[in-house]
PDB file of N, CA and C in Angstrom:
ATOM      1  N   MET A   1      78.315  65.849 101.183  1.00  0.00           N
ATOM      2  CA  MET A   1      79.582  66.360 100.694  1.00  0.00           C
ATOM      3  C   MET A   1      79.407  67.697  99.979  1.00  0.00           C
ATOM      4  N   CYS A   2      78.331  67.853  99.242  1.00  0.00           N
ATOM      5  CA  CYS A   2      78.079  69.085  98.504  1.00  0.00           C
ATOM      6  C   CYS A   2      77.932  70.273  99.457  1.00  0.00           C
ATOM      7  N   VAL A   3      77.258  70.075 100.590  1.00  0.00           N
ATOM      8  CA  VAL A   3      77.073  71.143 101.568  1.00  0.00           C
ATOM      9  C   VAL A   3      78.417  71.534 102.164  1.00  0.00           C
ATOM     10  N   LEU A   4      79.249  70.557 102.465  1.00  0.00           N
ATOM     11  CA  LEU A   4      80.572  70.831 103.009  1.00  0.00           C
ATOM     12  C   LEU A   4      81.407  71.623 102.008  1.00  0.00           C
ATOM     13  N   ARG A   5      81.357  71.246 100.761  1.00  0.00           N
ATOM     14  CA  ARG A   5      82.114  71.957  99.724  1.00  0.00           C
ATOM     15  C   ARG A   5      81.628  73.401  99.614  1.00  0.00           C
ATOM     16  N   GLN A   6      80.310  73.580  99.662  1.00  0.00           N
ATOM     17  CA  GLN A   6      79.745  74.925  99.573  1.00  0.00           C
ATOM     18  C   GLN A   6      80.175  75.768 100.775  1.00  0.00           C
ATOM     19  N   PHE A   7      80.128  75.175 101.964  1.00  0.00           N
ATOM     20  CA  PHE A   7      80.573  75.882 103.167  1.00  0.00           C
ATOM     21  C   PHE A   7      82.042  76.251 103.047  1.00  0.00           C
ATOM     22  N   THR A   8      82.848  75.324 102.567  1.00  0.00           N
ATOM     23  CA  THR A   8      84.280  75.572 102.400  1.00  0.00           C
ATOM     24  C   THR A   8      84.512  76.732 101.435  1.00  0.00           C
ATOM     25  N   ASN A   9      83.760  76.773 100.345  1.00  0.00           N
ATOM     26  CA  ASN A   9      83.896  77.875  99.387  1.00  0.00           C
ATOM     27  C   ASN A   9      83.560  79.215 100.031  1.00  0.00           C
ATOM     28  N   TYR A  10      82.470  79.254 100.810  1.00  0.00           N
ATOM     29  CA  TYR A  10      82.102  80.491 101.502  1.00  0.00           C
ATOM     30  C   TYR A  10      83.186  80.899 102.500  1.00  0.00           C
ATOM     31  N   TRP A  11      83.702  79.930 103.222  1.00  0.00           N
ATOM     32  CA  TRP A  11      84.728  80.210 104.223  1.00  0.00           C
ATOM     33  C   TRP A  11      85.993  80.750 103.563  1.00  0.00           C
ATOM     34  N   GLU A  12      86.392  80.161 102.448  1.00  0.00           N
ATOM     35  CA  GLU A  12      87.580  80.624 101.735  1.00  0.00           C
ATOM     36  C   GLU A  12      87.387  82.045 101.219  1.00  0.00           C
ATOM     37  N   LYS A  13      86.204  82.344 100.712  1.00  0.00           N
ATOM     38  CA  LYS A  13      85.922  83.704 100.244  1.00  0.00           C
ATOM     39  C   LYS A  13      85.961  84.691 101.408  1.00  0.00           C
ATOM     40  N   TYR A  14      85.411  84.283 102.554  1.00  0.00           N
ATOM     41  CA  TYR A  14      85.422  85.142 103.735  1.00  0.00           C
ATOM     42  C   TYR A  14      86.852  85.417 104.170  1.00  0.00           C
ATOM     43  N   GLN A  15      87.668  84.369 104.246  1.00  0.00           N
ATOM     44  CA  GLN A  15      89.053  84.536 104.656  1.00  0.00           C
ATOM     45  C   GLN A  15      89.804  85.438 103.686  1.00  0.00           C
ATOM     46  N   ALA A  16      89.597  85.242 102.400  1.00  0.00           N
ATOM     47  CA  ALA A  16      90.266  86.071 101.399  1.00  0.00           C
ATOM     48  C   ALA A  16      89.854  87.531 101.565  1.00  0.00           C
ATOM     49  N   SER A  17      88.578  87.759 101.808  1.00  0.00           N
ATOM     50  CA  SER A  17      88.084  89.121 101.999  1.00  0.00           C
ATOM     51  C   SER A  17      88.713  89.757 103.231  1.00  0.00           C
ATOM     52  N   GLU A  18      88.787  89.005 104.309  1.00  0.00           N
ATOM     53  CA  GLU A  18      89.394  89.514 105.539  1.00  0.00           C
ATOM     54  C   GLU A  18      90.874  89.825 105.330  1.00  0.00           C
ATOM     55  N   LEU A  19      91.571  88.966 104.609  1.00  0.00           N
ATOM     56  CA  LEU A  19      92.991  89.202 104.339  1.00  0.00           C
ATOM     57  C   LEU A  19      93.190  90.442 103.479  1.00  0.00           C
ATOM     58  N   LEU A  20      92.310  90.637 102.514  1.00  0.00           N
ATOM     59  CA  LEU A  20      92.411  91.833 101.671  1.00  0.00           C
ATOM     60  C   LEU A  20      92.170  93.101 102.488  1.00  0.00           C
ATOM     61  N   GLN A  21      91.211  93.050 103.404  1.00  0.00           N
ATOM     62  CA  GLN A  21      90.960  94.216 104.265  1.00  0.00           C
ATOM     63  C   GLN A  21      92.169  94.501 105.149  1.00  0.00           C
ATOM     64  N   LEU A  22      92.785  93.448 105.665  1.00  0.00           N
ATOM     65  CA  LEU A  22      93.988  93.612 106.483  1.00  0.00           C
ATOM     66  C   LEU A  22      95.127  94.185 105.645  1.00  0.00           C
ATOM     67  N   ALA A  23      95.274  93.694 104.429  1.00  0.00           N
ATOM     68  CA  ALA A  23      96.303  94.219 103.526  1.00  0.00           C
ATOM     69  C   ALA A  23      96.067  95.703 103.277  1.00  0.00           C
ATOM     70  N   LYS A  24      94.820  96.062 103.066  1.00  0.00           N
ATOM     71  CA  LYS A  24      94.474  97.465 102.806  1.00  0.00           C
ATOM     72  C   LYS A  24      94.893  98.352 103.980  1.00  0.00           C
ATOM     73  N   ILE A  25      94.590  97.916 105.180  1.00  0.00           N
ATOM     74  CA  ILE A  25      94.957  98.677 106.382  1.00  0.00           C
ATOM     75  C   ILE A  25      96.469  98.854 106.461  1.00  0.00           C
ATOM     76  N   ASN A  26      97.198  97.771 106.215  1.00  0.00           N
ATOM     77  CA  ASN A  26      98.655  97.839 106.298  1.00  0.00           C
ATOM     78  C   ASN A  26      99.266  98.677 105.183  1.00  0.00           C
ATOM     79  N   TYR A  27      98.697  98.604 103.980  1.00  0.00           N
ATOM     80  CA  TYR A  27      99.185  99.447 102.885  1.00  0.00           C
ATOM     81  C   TYR A  27      98.962 100.926 103.191  1.00  0.00           C
ATOM     82  N   VAL A  28      97.827 101.263 103.787  1.00  0.00           N
ATOM     83  CA  VAL A  28      97.566 102.663 104.142  1.00  0.00           C
ATOM     84  C   VAL A  28      98.585 103.136 105.177  1.00  0.00           C
ATOM     85  N   LYS A  29      98.872 102.310 106.176  1.00  0.00           N
ATOM     86  CA  LYS A  29      99.879 102.666 107.186  1.00  0.00           C
ATOM     87  C   LYS A  29     101.246 102.868 106.536  1.00  0.00           C
ATOM     88  N   ALA A  30     101.610 101.952 105.648  1.00  0.00           N
ATOM     89  CA  ALA A  30     102.898 102.062 104.958  1.00  0.00           C
ATOM     90  C   ALA A  30     102.940 103.309 104.079  1.00  0.00           C
ATOM     91  N   PHE A  31     101.816 103.615 103.434  1.00  0.00           N
ATOM     92  CA  PHE A  31     101.752 104.809 102.590  1.00  0.00           C
ATOM     93  C   PHE A  31     101.975 106.066 103.424  1.00  0.00           C
ATOM     94  N   GLU A  32     101.353 106.138 104.592  1.00  0.00           N
ATOM     95  CA  GLU A  32     101.539 107.303 105.465  1.00  0.00           C
ATOM     96  C   GLU A  32     103.004 107.442 105.877  1.00  0.00           C
ATOM     97  N   LEU A  33     103.658 106.318 106.154  1.00  0.00           N
ATOM     98  CA  LEU A  33     105.085 106.359 106.493  1.00  0.00           C
ATOM     99  C   LEU A  33     105.917 106.836 105.308  1.00  0.00           C
ATOM    100  N   ALA A  34     105.576 106.378 104.118  1.00  0.00           N
ATOM    101  CA  ALA A  34     106.302 106.797 102.912  1.00  0.00           C
ATOM    102  C   ALA A  34     106.112 108.293 102.661  1.00  0.00           C
ATOM    103  N   LYS A  35     104.904 108.804 102.951  1.00  0.00           N
ATOM    104  CA  LYS A  35     104.662 110.246 102.810  1.00  0.00           C
ATOM    105  C   LYS A  35     105.520 111.027 103.796  1.00  0.00           C
ATOM    106  N   THR A  36     105.560 110.554 105.036  1.00  0.00           N
ATOM    107  CA  THR A  36     106.354 111.221 106.061  1.00  0.00           C
ATOM    108  C   THR A  36     107.830 111.232 105.680  1.00  0.00           C
ATOM    109  N   ALA A  37     108.286 110.145 105.061  1.00  0.00           N
ATOM    110  CA  ALA A  37     109.686 110.029 104.647  1.00  0.00           C
ATOM    111  C   ALA A  37     109.956 110.721 103.310  1.00  0.00           C
ATOM    112  N   ASN A  38     108.929 111.318 102.718  1.00  0.00           N
ATOM    113  CA  ASN A  38     109.058 111.968 101.403  1.00  0.00           C
ATOM    114  C   ASN A  38     109.632 111.039 100.340  1.00  0.00           C
ATOM    115  N   SER A  39     109.222 109.778 100.386  1.00  0.00           N
ATOM    116  CA  SER A  39     109.686 108.789  99.412  1.00  0.00           C
ATOM    117  C   SER A  39     108.619 108.608  98.334  1.00  0.00           C
ATOM    118  N   LEU A  40     108.755 109.377  97.255  1.00  0.00           N
ATOM    119  CA  LEU A  40     107.757 109.341  96.190  1.00  0.00           C
ATOM    120  C   LEU A  40     107.708 107.977  95.508  1.00  0.00           C
ATOM    121  N   GLU A  41     108.855 107.330  95.381  1.00  0.00           N
ATOM    122  CA  GLU A  41     108.883 106.005  94.746  1.00  0.00           C
ATOM    123  C   GLU A  41     108.068 104.996  95.552  1.00  0.00           C
ATOM    124  N   GLN A  42     108.273 104.984  96.872  1.00  0.00           N
ATOM    125  CA  GLN A  42     107.499 104.069  97.719  1.00  0.00           C
ATOM    126  C   GLN A  42     106.025 104.448  97.726  1.00  0.00           C
ATOM    127  N   GLN A  43     105.742 105.744  97.712  1.00  0.00           N
ATOM    128  CA  GLN A  43     104.346 106.186  97.665  1.00  0.00           C
ATOM    129  C   GLN A  43     103.664 105.660  96.408  1.00  0.00           C
ATOM    130  N   ALA A  44     104.347 105.769  95.278  1.00  0.00           N
ATOM    131  CA  ALA A  44     103.775 105.310  94.004  1.00  0.00           C
ATOM    132  C   ALA A  44     103.479 103.815  94.046  1.00  0.00           C
ATOM    133  N   GLU A  45     104.430 103.037  94.542  1.00  0.00           N
ATOM    134  CA  GLU A  45     104.232 101.582  94.628  1.00  0.00           C
ATOM    135  C   GLU A  45     103.062 101.243  95.544  1.00  0.00           C
ATOM    136  N   LEU A  46     102.991 101.911  96.676  1.00  0.00           N
ATOM    137  CA  LEU A  46     101.912 101.641  97.627  1.00  0.00           C
ATOM    138  C   LEU A  46     100.562 102.111  97.094  1.00  0.00           C
ATOM    139  N   GLN A  47     100.546 103.219  96.374  1.00  0.00           N
ATOM    140  CA  GLN A  47      99.304 103.675  95.754  1.00  0.00           C
ATOM    141  C   GLN A  47      98.808 102.632  94.752  1.00  0.00           C
ATOM    142  N   GLN A  48      99.736 102.065  94.005  1.00  0.00           N
ATOM    143  CA  GLN A  48      99.349 101.034  93.042  1.00  0.00           C
ATOM    144  C   GLN A  48      98.799  99.804  93.762  1.00  0.00           C
ATOM    145  N   HIS A  49      99.459  99.386  94.835  1.00  0.00           N
ATOM    146  CA  HIS A  49      98.970  98.233  95.607  1.00  0.00           C
ATOM    147  C   HIS A  49      97.591  98.522  96.207  1.00  0.00           C
ATOM    148  N   LEU A  50      97.398  99.738  96.686  1.00  0.00           N
ATOM    149  CA  LEU A  50      96.085 100.100  97.232  1.00  0.00           C
ATOM    150  C   LEU A  50      95.017 100.070  96.148  1.00  0.00           C
ATOM    151  N   GLY A  51      95.373 100.461  94.947  1.00  0.00           N
ATOM    152  CA  GLY A  51      94.439 100.344  93.829  1.00  0.00           C
ATOM    153  C   GLY A  51      94.066  98.901  93.572  1.00  0.00           C
ATOM    154  N   GLU A  52      95.067  98.024  93.604  1.00  0.00           N
ATOM    155  CA  GLU A  52      94.827  96.599  93.351  1.00  0.00           C
ATOM    156  C   GLU A  52      93.928  95.988  94.422  1.00  0.00           C
ATOM    157  N   VAL A  53      94.210  96.310  95.680  1.00  0.00           N
ATOM    158  CA  VAL A  53      93.418  95.751  96.781  1.00  0.00           C
ATOM    159  C   VAL A  53      91.980  96.267  96.721  1.00  0.00           C
ATOM    160  N   ASN A  54      91.824  97.555  96.475  1.00  0.00           N
ATOM    161  CA  ASN A  54      90.467  98.113  96.387  1.00  0.00           C
ATOM    162  C   ASN A  54      89.699  97.524  95.216  1.00  0.00           C
ATOM    163  N   GLU A  55      90.388  97.288  94.115  1.00  0.00           N
ATOM    164  CA  GLU A  55      89.726  96.656  92.974  1.00  0.00           C
ATOM    165  C   GLU A  55      89.302  95.233  93.328  1.00  0.00           C
ATOM    166  N   ALA A  56      90.149  94.524  94.066  1.00  0.00           N
ATOM    167  CA  ALA A  56      89.854  93.137  94.435  1.00  0.00           C
ATOM    168  C   ALA A  56      88.632  93.023  95.341  1.00  0.00           C
ATOM    169  N   VAL A  57      88.393  94.045  96.166  1.00  0.00           N
ATOM    170  CA  VAL A  57      87.221  94.014  97.053  1.00  0.00           C
ATOM    171  C   VAL A  57      86.062  94.822  96.468  1.00  0.00           C
ATOM    172  N   ALA A  58      86.154  95.106  95.179  1.00  0.00           N
ATOM    173  CA  ALA A  58      85.082  95.764  94.415  1.00  0.00           C
ATOM    174  C   ALA A  58      84.776  97.180  94.896  1.00  0.00           C
ATOM    175  N   GLN A  59      85.768  97.861  95.425  1.00  0.00           N
ATOM    176  CA  GLN A  59      85.615  99.280  95.759  1.00  0.00           C
ATOM    177  C   GLN A  59      86.254 100.073  94.619  1.00  0.00           C
ATOM    178  N   LEU A  60      85.510 100.125  93.517  1.00  0.00           N
ATOM    179  CA  LEU A  60      86.069 100.608  92.259  1.00  0.00           C
ATOM    180  C   LEU A  60      86.400 102.096  92.268  1.00  0.00           C
ATOM    181  N   ASN A  61      85.597 102.905  92.933  1.00  0.00           N
ATOM    182  CA  ASN A  61      85.926 104.335  93.020  1.00  0.00           C
ATOM    183  C   ASN A  61      87.233 104.547  93.769  1.00  0.00           C
ATOM    184  N   ASN A  62      87.415 103.803  94.854  1.00  0.00           N
ATOM    185  CA  ASN A  62      88.668 103.892  95.605  1.00  0.00           C
ATOM    186  C   ASN A  62      89.836 103.379  94.773  1.00  0.00           C
ATOM    187  N   ALA A  63      89.612 102.288  94.060  1.00  0.00           N
ATOM    188  CA  ALA A  63      90.667 101.739  93.201  1.00  0.00           C
ATOM    189  C   ALA A  63      91.083 102.768  92.159  1.00  0.00           C
ATOM    190  N   LEU A  64      90.107 103.402  91.555  1.00  0.00           N
ATOM    191  CA  LEU A  64      90.388 104.423  90.548  1.00  0.00           C
ATOM    192  C   LEU A  64      91.194 105.568  91.152  1.00  0.00           C
ATOM    193  N   TYR A  65      90.814 106.016  92.332  1.00  0.00           N
ATOM    194  CA  TYR A  65      91.549 107.086  93.019  1.00  0.00           C
ATOM    195  C   TYR A  65      93.020 106.704  93.219  1.00  0.00           C
ATOM    196  N   TRP A  66      93.243 105.487  93.734  1.00  0.00           N
ATOM    197  CA  TRP A  66      94.614 105.076  94.034  1.00  0.00           C
ATOM    198  C   TRP A  66      95.437 104.845  92.767  1.00  0.00           C
ATOM    199  N   PHE A  67      94.824 104.271  91.733  1.00  0.00           N
ATOM    200  CA  PHE A  67      95.556 104.080  90.482  1.00  0.00           C
ATOM    201  C   PHE A  67      95.917 105.422  89.847  1.00  0.00           C
ATOM    202  N   ARG A  68      94.997 106.381  89.891  1.00  0.00           N
ATOM    203  CA  ARG A  68      95.302 107.710  89.352  1.00  0.00           C
ATOM    204  C   ARG A  68      96.405 108.386  90.167  1.00  0.00           C
ATOM    205  N   SER A  69      96.350 108.210  91.480  1.00  0.00           N
ATOM    206  CA  SER A  69      97.392 108.781  92.334  1.00  0.00           C
ATOM    207  C   SER A  69      98.742 108.154  92.022  1.00  0.00           C
ATOM    208  N   ALA A  70      98.747 106.842  91.836  1.00  0.00           N
ATOM    209  CA  ALA A  70      99.992 106.150  91.489  1.00  0.00           C
ATOM    210  C   ALA A  70     100.517 106.643  90.149  1.00  0.00           C
ATOM    211  N   GLN A  71      99.625 106.788  89.188  1.00  0.00           N
ATOM    212  CA  GLN A  71     100.033 107.254  87.862  1.00  0.00           C
ATOM    213  C   GLN A  71     100.654 108.652  87.958  1.00  0.00           C
ATOM    214  N   SER A  72     100.051 109.513  88.751  1.00  0.00           N
ATOM    215  CA  SER A  72     100.580 110.863  88.945  1.00  0.00           C
ATOM    216  C   SER A  72     101.966 110.820  89.593  1.00  0.00           C
ATOM    217  N   SER A  73     102.121 109.963  90.595  1.00  0.00           N
ATOM    218  CA  SER A  73     103.419 109.833  91.264  1.00  0.00           C
ATOM    219  C   SER A  73     104.476 109.292  90.306  1.00  0.00           C
ATOM    220  N   TYR A  74     104.106 108.272  89.526  1.00  0.00           N
ATOM    221  CA  TYR A  74     105.054 107.731  88.551  1.00  0.00           C
ATOM    222  C   TYR A  74     105.418 108.789  87.508  1.00  0.00           C
ATOM    223  N   ARG A  75     104.451 109.608  87.133  1.00  0.00           N
ATOM    224  CA  ARG A  75     104.715 110.684  86.170  1.00  0.00           C
ATOM    225  C   ARG A  75     105.736 111.663  86.759  1.00  0.00           C
ATOM    226  N   GLN A  76     105.579 112.017  88.037  1.00  0.00           N
ATOM    227  CA  GLN A  76     106.529 112.919  88.701  1.00  0.00           C
ATOM    228  C   GLN A  76     107.921 112.301  88.763  1.00  0.00           C
ATOM    229  N   LEU A  77     107.970 110.985  88.885  1.00  0.00           N
ATOM    230  CA  LEU A  77     109.259 110.284  88.929  1.00  0.00           C
ATOM    231  C   LEU A  77     109.870 110.112  87.538  1.00  0.00           C
ATOM    232  N   GLY A  78     109.080 110.383  86.507  1.00  0.00           N
ATOM    233  CA  GLY A  78     109.560 110.197  85.140  1.00  0.00           C
ATOM    234  C   GLY A  78     109.514 108.756  84.679  1.00  0.00           C
ATOM    235  N   ASP A  79     108.719 107.935  85.349  1.00  0.00           N
ATOM    236  CA  ASP A  79     108.610 106.512  85.011  1.00  0.00           C
ATOM    237  C   ASP A  79     107.490 106.319  83.984  1.00  0.00           C
ATOM    238  N   VAL A  80     107.834 106.556  82.730  1.00  0.00           N
ATOM    239  CA  VAL A  80     106.862 106.501  81.637  1.00  0.00           C
ATOM    240  C   VAL A  80     106.260 105.106  81.503  1.00  0.00           C
ATOM    241  N   LYS A  81     107.061 104.080  81.729  1.00  0.00           N
ATOM    242  CA  LYS A  81     106.578 102.701  81.592  1.00  0.00           C
ATOM    243  C   LYS A  81     105.423 102.430  82.559  1.00  0.00           C
ATOM    244  N   GLN A  82     105.588 102.825  83.812  1.00  0.00           N
ATOM    245  CA  GLN A  82     104.526 102.591  84.803  1.00  0.00           C
ATOM    246  C   GLN A  82     103.298 103.449  84.508  1.00  0.00           C
ATOM    247  N   VAL A  83     103.512 104.669  84.035  1.00  0.00           N
ATOM    248  CA  VAL A  83     102.383 105.531  83.666  1.00  0.00           C
ATOM    249  C   VAL A  83     101.562 104.845  82.583  1.00  0.00           C
ATOM    250  N   GLN A  84     102.252 104.295  81.579  1.00  0.00           N
ATOM    251  CA  GLN A  84     101.566 103.618  80.479  1.00  0.00           C
ATOM    252  C   GLN A  84     100.931 102.306  80.929  1.00  0.00           C
ATOM    253  N   THR A  85     101.570 101.610  81.851  1.00  0.00           N
ATOM    254  CA  THR A  85     101.038 100.346  82.362  1.00  0.00           C
ATOM    255  C   THR A  85      99.707 100.566  83.082  1.00  0.00           C
ATOM    256  N   LEU A  86      99.587 101.658  83.796  1.00  0.00           N
ATOM    257  CA  LEU A  86      98.366 101.932  84.560  1.00  0.00           C
ATOM    258  C   LEU A  86      97.224 102.456  83.694  1.00  0.00           C
ATOM    259  N   ARG A  87      97.535 103.018  82.543  1.00  0.00           N
ATOM    260  CA  ARG A  87      96.503 103.643  81.697  1.00  0.00           C
ATOM    261  C   ARG A  87      95.340 102.702  81.361  1.00  0.00           C
ATOM    262  N   PRO A  88      95.596 101.461  80.867  1.00  0.00           N
ATOM    263  CA  PRO A  88      94.459 100.582  80.543  1.00  0.00           C
ATOM    264  C   PRO A  88      93.614 100.211  81.764  1.00  0.00           C
ATOM    265  N   ARG A  89      94.268 100.064  82.885  1.00  0.00           N
ATOM    266  CA  ARG A  89      93.543  99.717  84.111  1.00  0.00           C
ATOM    267  C   ARG A  89      92.623 100.863  84.537  1.00  0.00           C
ATOM    268  N   ILE A  90      93.128 102.072  84.441  1.00  0.00           N
ATOM    269  CA  ILE A  90      92.327 103.250  84.777  1.00  0.00           C
ATOM    270  C   ILE A  90      91.156 103.373  83.811  1.00  0.00           C
ATOM    271  N   ASN A  91      91.423 103.194  82.529  1.00  0.00           N
ATOM    272  CA  ASN A  91      90.346 103.271  81.529  1.00  0.00           C
ATOM    273  C   ASN A  91      89.280 102.210  81.779  1.00  0.00           C
ATOM    274  N   TYR A  92      89.714 101.007  82.141  1.00  0.00           N
ATOM    275  CA  TYR A  92      88.774  99.923  82.454  1.00  0.00           C
ATOM    276  C   TYR A  92      87.876 100.315  83.628  1.00  0.00           C
ATOM    277  N   LEU A  93      88.478 100.869  84.668  1.00  0.00           N
ATOM    278  CA  LEU A  93      87.695 101.269  85.842  1.00  0.00           C
ATOM    279  C   LEU A  93      86.761 102.428  85.520  1.00  0.00           C
ATOM    280  N   LEU A  94      87.201 103.348  84.681  1.00  0.00           N
ATOM    281  CA  LEU A  94      86.340 104.466  84.292  1.00  0.00           C
ATOM    282  C   LEU A  94      85.067 103.975  83.615  1.00  0.00           C
ATOM    283  N   GLU A  95      85.167 102.880  82.888  1.00  0.00           N
ATOM    284  CA  GLU A  95      83.996 102.306  82.228  1.00  0.00           C
ATOM    285  C   GLU A  95      83.057 101.615  83.212  1.00  0.00           C
ATOM    286  N   ARG A  96      83.583 101.202  84.352  1.00  0.00           N
ATOM    287  CA  ARG A  96      82.789 100.426  85.305  1.00  0.00           C
ATOM    288  C   ARG A  96      82.183 101.263  86.424  1.00  0.00           C
ATOM    289  N   VAL A  97      82.714 102.451  86.679  1.00  0.00           N
ATOM    290  CA  VAL A  97      82.173 103.268  87.787  1.00  0.00           C
ATOM    291  C   VAL A  97      81.162 104.271  87.274  1.00  0.00           C
TER     292      VAL A  97
END
C-alpha cells in the first residue's frame, strides 16, 4: 500500500505540473491577444496570472518578470490597490532569486 500511495503522489505532482505548463501556454496566448486588442486591463490580469504560474513551477526569474510587468500595467491603469498588492510578492521573489 505504501508503494501505491507513493506512486499516486508522484503521479499527482506530475499531472499538476503538466496542467500548470498548459495553463502557462494558454495565458501567454491570451496575453498576446490582449496586447493585440490594446486591452491594458486584461494584459495586467494575465501578467499577474503568468507570474503566479511561473512561481508555482519554481521559475522565479520569470515570475518576477511577470509580476513586475503586471505592477507596471496596474500603475498605468491607476490601480493603486493592485500595485500595492503585488509589492510584497515582488519583494519576496527578489530575496529568492
